């Protein structure tokens, strides 16, 4: 039971310490100005593409009516596992 109470006290102390750190950082931010200034130029916005068009690489072909290979079969067939 004593170990449980010690663990709870440690957790409470760490929570209070974390809260104090947040309050301190907020106070320091307010005291030092709290705003950031950047001297960087604004970034250029990307150009949006125009409507889709067909380019020179588009080819139109008619698919064949029958398949080139009727049924795929391996040239060499292995023996079944565990038989032989």
PDB file of N, CA and C in Angstrom:
ATOM      1  N   UNK A   1       0.821  -1.193   0.000  1.00  0.00           N
ATOM      2  CA  UNK A   1       0.000   0.000   0.000  1.00  0.00           C
ATOM      3  C   UNK A   1       0.864   1.256   0.000  1.00  0.00           C
ATOM      4  N   UNK A   2       1.985   1.176   0.684  1.00  0.00           N
ATOM      5  CA  UNK A   2       2.868   2.341   0.764  1.00  0.00           C
ATOM      6  C   UNK A   2       3.479   2.659  -0.589  1.00  0.00           C
ATOM      7  N   UNK A   3       3.773   1.612  -1.363  1.00  0.00           N
ATOM      8  CA  UNK A   3       4.357   1.834  -2.693  1.00  0.00           C
ATOM      9  C   UNK A   3       3.341   2.498  -3.618  1.00  0.00           C
ATOM     10  N   UNK A   4       2.084   2.130  -3.502  1.00  0.00           N
ATOM     11  CA  UNK A   4       1.033   2.719  -4.324  1.00  0.00           C
ATOM     12  C   UNK A   4       0.870   4.204  -4.016  1.00  0.00           C
ATOM     13  N   UNK A   5       0.905   4.548  -2.747  1.00  0.00           N
ATOM     14  CA  UNK A   5       0.784   5.954  -2.359  1.00  0.00           C
ATOM     15  C   UNK A   5       1.994   6.746  -2.836  1.00  0.00           C
ATOM     16  N   UNK A   6       3.181   6.144  -2.785  1.00  0.00           N
ATOM     17  CA  UNK A   6       4.385   6.820  -3.251  1.00  0.00           C
ATOM     18  C   UNK A   6       4.304   7.064  -4.758  1.00  0.00           C
ATOM     19  N   UNK A   7       3.825   6.090  -5.503  1.00  0.00           N
ATOM     20  CA  UNK A   7       3.692   6.236  -6.947  1.00  0.00           C
ATOM     21  C   UNK A   7       2.685   7.328  -7.282  1.00  0.00           C
ATOM     22  N   UNK A   8       1.596   7.394  -6.540  1.00  0.00           N
ATOM     23  CA  UNK A   8       0.592   8.435  -6.779  1.00  0.00           C
ATOM     24  C   UNK A   8       1.153   9.817  -6.479  1.00  0.00           C
ATOM     25  N   UNK A   9       1.929   9.926  -5.415  1.00  0.00           N
ATOM     26  CA  UNK A   9       2.520  11.215  -5.081  1.00  0.00           C
ATOM     27  C   UNK A   9       3.526  11.649  -6.136  1.00  0.00           C
ATOM     28  N   UNK A  10       4.302  10.706  -6.645  1.00  0.00           N
ATOM     29  CA  UNK A  10       5.277  11.031  -7.693  1.00  0.00           C
ATOM     30  C   UNK A  10       4.553  11.500  -8.946  1.00  0.00           C
ATOM     31  N   UNK A  11       3.471  10.795  -9.331  1.00  0.00           N
ATOM     32  CA  UNK A  11       2.699  11.195 -10.510  1.00  0.00           C
ATOM     33  C   UNK A  11       2.109  12.581 -10.327  1.00  0.00           C
ATOM     34  N   UNK A  12       1.590  12.861  -9.135  1.00  0.00           N
ATOM     35  CA  UNK A  12       1.000  14.167  -8.866  1.00  0.00           C
ATOM     36  C   UNK A  12       2.064  15.258  -8.919  1.00  0.00           C
ATOM     37  N   UNK A  13       3.226  14.982  -8.354  1.00  0.00           N
ATOM     38  CA  UNK A  13       4.308  15.964  -8.372  1.00  0.00           C
ATOM     39  C   UNK A  13       4.769  16.237  -9.795  1.00  0.00           C
ATOM     40  N   UNK A  14       4.866  15.208 -10.612  1.00  0.00           N
ATOM     41  CA  UNK A  14       5.277  15.399 -12.003  1.00  0.00           C
ATOM     42  C   UNK A  14       4.219  16.157 -12.794  1.00  0.00           C
ATOM     43  N   UNK A  15       2.947  15.912 -12.518  1.00  0.00           N
ATOM     44  CA  UNK A  15       1.876  16.643 -13.197  1.00  0.00           C
ATOM     45  C   UNK A  15       1.909  18.121 -12.822  1.00  0.00           C
ATOM     46  N   UNK A  16       2.141  18.417 -11.544  1.00  0.00           N
ATOM     47  CA  UNK A  16       2.238  19.807 -11.102  1.00  0.00           C
ATOM     48  C   UNK A  16       3.446  20.467 -11.734  1.00  0.00           C
ATOM     49  N   UNK A  17       4.562  19.755 -11.804  1.00  0.00           N
ATOM     50  CA  UNK A  17       5.770  20.295 -12.424  1.00  0.00           C
ATOM     51  C   UNK A  17       5.545  20.575 -13.909  1.00  0.00           C
ATOM     52  N   UNK A  18       4.865  19.692 -14.618  1.00  0.00           N
ATOM     53  CA  UNK A  18       4.566  19.904 -16.033  1.00  0.00           C
ATOM     54  C   UNK A  18       3.645  21.093 -16.238  1.00  0.00           C
ATOM     55  N   UNK A  19       2.632  21.228 -15.395  1.00  0.00           N
ATOM     56  CA  UNK A  19       1.734  22.373 -15.486  1.00  0.00           C
ATOM     57  C   UNK A  19       2.462  23.683 -15.217  1.00  0.00           C
ATOM     58  N   UNK A  20       3.364  23.662 -14.246  1.00  0.00           N
ATOM     59  CA  UNK A  20       4.142  24.865 -13.959  1.00  0.00           C
ATOM     60  C   UNK A  20       5.034  25.225 -15.140  1.00  0.00           C
ATOM     61  N   UNK A  21       5.571  24.222 -15.827  1.00  0.00           N
ATOM     62  CA  UNK A  21       6.408  24.485 -17.000  1.00  0.00           C
ATOM     63  C   UNK A  21       5.588  25.131 -18.110  1.00  0.00           C
ATOM     64  N   UNK A  22       4.359  24.665 -18.314  1.00  0.00           N
ATOM     65  CA  UNK A  22       3.501  25.252 -19.347  1.00  0.00           C
ATOM     66  C   UNK A  22       3.171  26.699 -19.002  1.00  0.00           C
ATOM     67  N   UNK A  23       2.836  26.955 -17.746  1.00  0.00           N
ATOM     68  CA  UNK A  23       2.522  28.324 -17.330  1.00  0.00           C
ATOM     69  C   UNK A  23       3.748  29.219 -17.490  1.00  0.00           C
ATOM     70  N   UNK A  24       4.927  28.727 -17.140  1.00  0.00           N
ATOM     71  CA  UNK A  24       6.153  29.502 -17.270  1.00  0.00           C
ATOM     72  C   UNK A  24       6.452  29.820 -18.732  1.00  0.00           C
ATOM     73  N   UNK A  25       6.324  28.859 -19.602  1.00  0.00           N
ATOM     74  CA  UNK A  25       6.593  29.097 -21.027  1.00  0.00           C
ATOM     75  C   UNK A  25       5.585  30.089 -21.614  1.00  0.00           C
ATOM     76  N   UNK A  26       4.326  30.004 -21.187  1.00  0.00           N
ATOM     77  CA  UNK A  26       3.326  30.958 -21.654  1.00  0.00           C
ATOM     78  C   UNK A  26       3.665  32.368 -21.179  1.00  0.00           C
ATOM     79  N   UNK A  27       4.070  32.480 -19.914  1.00  0.00           N
ATOM     80  CA  UNK A  27       4.454  33.783 -19.378  1.00  0.00           C
ATOM     81  C   UNK A  27       5.665  34.354 -20.104  1.00  0.00           C
ATOM     82  N   UNK A  28       6.662  33.533 -20.365  1.00  0.00           N
ATOM     83  CA  UNK A  28       7.839  34.005 -21.089  1.00  0.00           C
ATOM     84  C   UNK A  28       7.485  34.431 -22.509  1.00  0.00           C
ATOM     85  N   UNK A  29       6.568  33.730 -23.138  1.00  0.00           N
ATOM     86  CA  UNK A  29       6.146  34.079 -24.485  1.00  0.00           C
ATOM     87  C   UNK A  29       5.444  35.430 -24.505  1.00  0.00           C
ATOM     88  N   UNK A  30       4.615  35.687 -23.495  1.00  0.00           N
ATOM     89  CA  UNK A  30       3.903  36.957 -23.420  1.00  0.00           C
ATOM     90  C   UNK A  30       4.888  38.095 -23.147  1.00  0.00           C
ATOM     91  N   UNK A  31       5.846  37.859 -22.265  1.00  0.00           N
ATOM     92  CA  UNK A  31       6.797  38.902 -21.889  1.00  0.00           C
ATOM     93  C   UNK A  31       7.719  39.259 -23.049  1.00  0.00           C
ATOM     94  N   UNK A  32       8.144  38.278 -23.818  1.00  0.00           N
ATOM     95  CA  UNK A  32       9.109  38.539 -24.897  1.00  0.00           C
ATOM     96  C   UNK A  32       8.455  38.997 -26.193  1.00  0.00           C
ATOM     97  N   UNK A  33       7.184  39.133 -26.237  1.00  0.00           N
ATOM     98  CA  UNK A  33       6.536  39.638 -27.442  1.00  0.00           C
ATOM     99  C   UNK A  33       5.512  38.673 -27.989  1.00  0.00           C
ATOM    100  N   UNK A  34       5.778  37.433 -27.918  1.00  0.00           N
ATOM    101  CA  UNK A  34       4.805  36.429 -28.294  1.00  0.00           C
ATOM    102  C   UNK A  34       4.522  36.292 -29.772  1.00  0.00           C
ATOM    103  N   UNK A  35       5.166  37.080 -30.614  1.00  0.00           N
ATOM    104  CA  UNK A  35       4.904  36.950 -32.046  1.00  0.00           C
ATOM    105  C   UNK A  35       6.217  36.651 -32.749  1.00  0.00           C
ATOM    106  N   UNK A  36       6.111  35.970 -33.818  1.00  0.00           N
ATOM    107  CA  UNK A  36       7.303  35.646 -34.593  1.00  0.00           C
ATOM    108  C   UNK A  36       7.266  36.431 -35.889  1.00  0.00           C
ATOM    109  N   UNK A  37       8.413  36.904 -36.298  1.00  0.00           N
ATOM    110  CA  UNK A  37       8.513  37.615 -37.568  1.00  0.00           C
ATOM    111  C   UNK A  37       9.456  36.860 -38.466  1.00  0.00           C
ATOM    112  N   UNK A  38       9.090  36.749 -39.703  1.00  0.00           N
ATOM    113  CA  UNK A  38       9.949  36.081 -40.669  1.00  0.00           C
ATOM    114  C   UNK A  38      10.258  37.050 -41.795  1.00  0.00           C
ATOM    115  N   UNK A  39      11.475  37.031 -42.220  1.00  0.00           N
ATOM    116  CA  UNK A  39      11.894  37.882 -43.327  1.00  0.00           C
ATOM    117  C   UNK A  39      11.954  37.113 -44.640  1.00  0.00           C
ATOM    118  N   UNK A  40      11.310  35.964 -44.666  1.00  0.00           N
ATOM    119  CA  UNK A  40      11.325  35.146 -45.870  1.00  0.00           C
ATOM    120  C   UNK A  40      10.280  35.654 -46.857  1.00  0.00           C
ATOM    121  N   UNK A  41      10.575  35.584 -48.140  1.00  0.00           N
ATOM    122  CA  UNK A  41       9.560  35.977 -49.122  1.00  0.00           C
ATOM    123  C   UNK A  41       8.438  34.932 -49.147  1.00  0.00           C
ATOM    124  N   UNK A  42       7.250  35.347 -49.535  1.00  0.00           N
ATOM    125  CA  UNK A  42       6.163  34.381 -49.576  1.00  0.00           C
ATOM    126  C   UNK A  42       6.414  33.321 -50.650  1.00  0.00           C
ATOM    127  N   UNK A  43       5.970  32.126 -50.373  1.00  0.00           N
ATOM    128  CA  UNK A  43       6.164  31.026 -51.313  1.00  0.00           C
ATOM    129  C   UNK A  43       5.208  31.183 -52.492  1.00  0.00           C
ATOM    130  N   UNK A  44       5.673  30.811 -53.661  1.00  0.00           N
ATOM    131  CA  UNK A  44       4.840  30.893 -54.859  1.00  0.00           C
ATOM    132  C   UNK A  44       3.818  29.768 -54.830  1.00  0.00           C
ATOM    133  N   UNK A  45       2.623  30.080 -55.244  1.00  0.00           N
ATOM    134  CA  UNK A  45       1.575  29.073 -55.312  1.00  0.00           C
ATOM    135  C   UNK A  45       1.803  28.216 -56.558  1.00  0.00           C
ATOM    136  N   UNK A  46       1.544  26.921 -56.465  1.00  0.00           N
ATOM    137  CA  UNK A  46       1.719  26.077 -57.646  1.00  0.00           C
ATOM    138  C   UNK A  46       0.692  26.419 -58.721  1.00  0.00           C
ATOM    139  N   UNK A  47       1.078  26.267 -59.960  1.00  0.00           N
ATOM    140  CA  UNK A  47       0.165  26.525 -61.077  1.00  0.00           C
ATOM    141  C   UNK A  47      -0.754  25.330 -61.252  1.00  0.00           C
ATOM    142  N   UNK A  48      -2.009  25.598 -61.394  1.00  0.00           N
ATOM    143  CA  UNK A  48      -2.962  24.526 -61.603  1.00  0.00           C
ATOM    144  C   UNK A  48      -2.942  24.129 -63.073  1.00  0.00           C
ATOM    145  N   UNK A  49      -2.993  22.833 -63.367  1.00  0.00           N
ATOM    146  CA  UNK A  49      -2.983  22.408 -64.771  1.00  0.00           C
ATOM    147  C   UNK A  49      -4.290  22.753 -65.463  1.00  0.00           C
ATOM    148  N   UNK A  50      -4.206  22.852 -66.768  1.00  0.00           N
ATOM    149  CA  UNK A  50      -5.390  23.127 -67.566  1.00  0.00           C
ATOM    150  C   UNK A  50      -6.210  21.863 -67.746  1.00  0.00           C
ATOM    151  N   UNK A  51      -7.189  21.905 -68.625  1.00  0.00           N
ATOM    152  CA  UNK A  51      -8.010  20.712 -68.843  1.00  0.00           C
ATOM    153  C   UNK A  51      -7.177  19.586 -69.466  1.00  0.00           C
ATOM    154  N   UNK A  52      -7.616  18.358 -69.229  1.00  0.00           N
ATOM    155  CA  UNK A  52      -6.878  17.202 -69.743  1.00  0.00           C
ATOM    156  C   UNK A  52      -7.021  17.116 -71.259  1.00  0.00           C
ATOM    157  N   UNK A  53      -5.925  16.826 -71.914  1.00  0.00           N
ATOM    158  CA  UNK A  53      -5.937  16.640 -73.361  1.00  0.00           C
ATOM    159  C   UNK A  53      -5.159  15.386 -73.696  1.00  0.00           C
ATOM    160  N   UNK A  54      -5.365  14.861 -74.900  1.00  0.00           N
ATOM    161  CA  UNK A  54      -4.604  13.705 -75.340  1.00  0.00           C
ATOM    162  C   UNK A  54      -3.300  14.197 -75.947  1.00  0.00           C
ATOM    163  N   UNK A  55      -2.208  13.593 -75.492  1.00  0.00           N
ATOM    164  CA  UNK A  55      -0.909  13.995 -75.996  1.00  0.00           C
ATOM    165  C   UNK A  55      -0.485  13.181 -77.205  1.00  0.00           C
ATOM    166  N   UNK A  56       0.755  13.372 -77.643  1.00  0.00           N
ATOM    167  CA  UNK A  56       1.268  12.669 -78.816  1.00  0.00           C
ATOM    168  C   UNK A  56       1.511  11.197 -78.544  1.00  0.00           C
ATOM    169  N   UNK A  57       1.645  10.799 -77.274  1.00  0.00           N
ATOM    170  CA  UNK A  57       1.982   9.411 -76.975  1.00  0.00           C
ATOM    171  C   UNK A  57       0.767   8.507 -76.891  1.00  0.00           C
ATOM    172  N   UNK A  58      -0.422   9.035 -77.061  1.00  0.00           N
ATOM    173  CA  UNK A  58      -1.625   8.223 -76.975  1.00  0.00           C
ATOM    174  C   UNK A  58      -1.786   7.445 -78.274  1.00  0.00           C
ATOM    175  N   UNK A  59      -1.916   6.130 -78.148  1.00  0.00           N
ATOM    176  CA  UNK A  59      -2.155   5.284 -79.321  1.00  0.00           C
ATOM    177  C   UNK A  59      -3.446   4.511 -79.101  1.00  0.00           C
ATOM    178  N   UNK A  60      -4.160   4.318 -80.145  1.00  0.00           N
ATOM    179  CA  UNK A  60      -5.379   3.537 -80.037  1.00  0.00           C
ATOM    180  C   UNK A  60      -5.183   2.243 -80.808  1.00  0.00           C
ATOM    181  N   UNK A  61      -5.437   1.128 -80.125  1.00  0.00           N
ATOM    182  CA  UNK A  61      -5.323  -0.185 -80.767  1.00  0.00           C
ATOM    183  C   UNK A  61      -6.601  -0.963 -80.486  1.00  0.00           C
ATOM    184  N   UNK A  62      -6.876  -1.887 -81.361  1.00  0.00           N
ATOM    185  CA  UNK A  62      -8.038  -2.747 -81.189  1.00  0.00           C
ATOM    186  C   UNK A  62      -7.541  -4.043 -80.555  1.00  0.00           C
ATOM    187  N   UNK A  63      -8.111  -4.449 -79.421  1.00  0.00           N
ATOM    188  CA  UNK A  63      -7.642  -5.669 -78.782  1.00  0.00           C
ATOM    189  C   UNK A  63      -7.977  -6.888 -79.643  1.00  0.00           C
ATOM    190  N   UNK A  64      -7.130  -7.914 -79.605  1.00  0.00           N
ATOM    191  CA  UNK A  64      -7.407  -9.114 -80.394  1.00  0.00           C
ATOM    192  C   UNK A  64      -8.652  -9.828 -79.873  1.00  0.00           C
ATOM    193  N   UNK A  65      -9.334 -10.509 -80.770  1.00  0.00           N
ATOM    194  CA  UNK A  65     -10.569 -11.188 -80.378  1.00  0.00           C
ATOM    195  C   UNK A  65     -10.291 -12.509 -79.668  1.00  0.00           C
ATOM    196  N   UNK A  66      -9.118 -13.115 -79.901  1.00  0.00           N
ATOM    197  CA  UNK A  66      -8.756 -14.357 -79.211  1.00  0.00           C
ATOM    198  C   UNK A  66      -7.413 -14.152 -78.512  1.00  0.00           C
ATOM    199  N   UNK A  67      -7.177 -14.952 -77.500  1.00  0.00           N
ATOM    200  CA  UNK A  67      -5.921 -14.871 -76.770  1.00  0.00           C
ATOM    201  C   UNK A  67      -4.798 -15.505 -77.577  1.00  0.00           C
ATOM    202  N   UNK A  68      -3.573 -15.027 -77.412  1.00  0.00           N
ATOM    203  CA  UNK A  68      -2.428 -15.562 -78.138  1.00  0.00           C
ATOM    204  C   UNK A  68      -2.083 -16.963 -77.644  1.00  0.00           C
ATOM    205  N   UNK A  69      -2.276 -17.243 -76.369  1.00  0.00           N
ATOM    206  CA  UNK A  69      -1.986 -18.562 -75.795  1.00  0.00           C
ATOM    207  C   UNK A  69      -3.294 -19.118 -75.250  1.00  0.00           C
ATOM    208  N   UNK A  70      -3.640 -20.311 -75.655  1.00  0.00           N
ATOM    209  CA  UNK A  70      -4.896 -20.913 -75.206  1.00  0.00           C
ATOM    210  C   UNK A  70      -4.847 -21.247 -73.716  1.00  0.00           C
ATOM    211  N   UNK A  71      -3.767 -21.963 -73.288  1.00  0.00           N
ATOM    212  CA  UNK A  71      -3.625 -22.338 -71.887  1.00  0.00           C
ATOM    213  C   UNK A  71      -2.144 -22.310 -71.551  1.00  0.00           C
ATOM    214  N   UNK A  72      -1.776 -21.615 -70.497  1.00  0.00           N
ATOM    215  CA  UNK A  72      -0.371 -21.535 -70.099  1.00  0.00           C
ATOM    216  C   UNK A  72       0.032 -22.843 -69.429  1.00  0.00           C
ATOM    217  N   UNK A  73       1.195 -23.376 -69.832  1.00  0.00           N
ATOM    218  CA  UNK A  73       1.714 -24.611 -69.249  1.00  0.00           C
ATOM    219  C   UNK A  73       3.212 -24.465 -69.084  1.00  0.00           C
ATOM    220  N   UNK A  74       3.773 -24.907 -67.948  1.00  0.00           N
ATOM    221  CA  UNK A  74       5.216 -24.784 -67.746  1.00  0.00           C
ATOM    222  C   UNK A  74       5.968 -25.764 -68.650  1.00  0.00           C
ATOM    223  N   UNK A  75       7.176 -25.378 -69.115  1.00  0.00           N
ATOM    224  CA  UNK A  75       7.934 -26.283 -69.975  1.00  0.00           C
ATOM    225  C   UNK A  75       8.464 -27.497 -69.228  1.00  0.00           C
ATOM    226  N   UNK A  76       8.750 -27.369 -67.937  1.00  0.00           N
ATOM    227  CA  UNK A  76       9.240 -28.474 -67.117  1.00  0.00           C
ATOM    228  C   UNK A  76       8.339 -28.577 -65.908  1.00  0.00           C
ATOM    229  N   UNK A  77       7.903 -29.800 -65.601  1.00  0.00           N
ATOM    230  CA  UNK A  77       7.024 -29.995 -64.457  1.00  0.00           C
ATOM    231  C   UNK A  77       7.736 -30.834 -63.412  1.00  0.00           C
ATOM    232  N   UNK A  78       7.707 -30.383 -62.163  1.00  0.00           N
ATOM    233  CA  UNK A  78       8.362 -31.097 -61.060  1.00  0.00           C
ATOM    234  C   UNK A  78       7.469 -32.204 -60.545  1.00  0.00           C
ATOM    235  N   UNK A  79       8.109 -33.158 -59.852  1.00  0.00           N
ATOM    236  CA  UNK A  79       7.357 -34.251 -59.229  1.00  0.00           C
ATOM    237  C   UNK A  79       6.562 -33.671 -58.060  1.00  0.00           C
ATOM    238  N   UNK A  80       5.378 -34.215 -57.772  1.00  0.00           N
ATOM    239  CA  UNK A  80       4.614 -33.750 -56.623  1.00  0.00           C
ATOM    240  C   UNK A  80       5.382 -33.967 -55.331  1.00  0.00           C
ATOM    241  N   UNK A  81       5.236 -33.070 -54.368  1.00  0.00           N
ATOM    242  CA  UNK A  81       5.950 -33.137 -53.107  1.00  0.00           C
ATOM    243  C   UNK A  81       5.470 -34.332 -52.304  1.00  0.00           C
ATOM    244  N   UNK A  82       6.420 -35.114 -51.834  1.00  0.00           N
ATOM    245  CA  UNK A  82       6.104 -36.254 -50.972  1.00  0.00           C
ATOM    246  C   UNK A  82       5.762 -37.518 -51.721  1.00  0.00           C
ATOM    247  N   UNK A  83       5.802 -37.491 -53.042  1.00  0.00           N
ATOM    248  CA  UNK A  83       5.494 -38.698 -53.809  1.00  0.00           C
ATOM    249  C   UNK A  83       6.670 -39.005 -54.718  1.00  0.00           C
ATOM    250  N   UNK A  84       7.553 -39.856 -54.281  1.00  0.00           N
ATOM    251  CA  UNK A  84       8.633 -40.275 -55.140  1.00  0.00           C
ATOM    252  C   UNK A  84       9.909 -39.834 -54.648  1.00  0.00           C
TER     253      UNK A  84
END
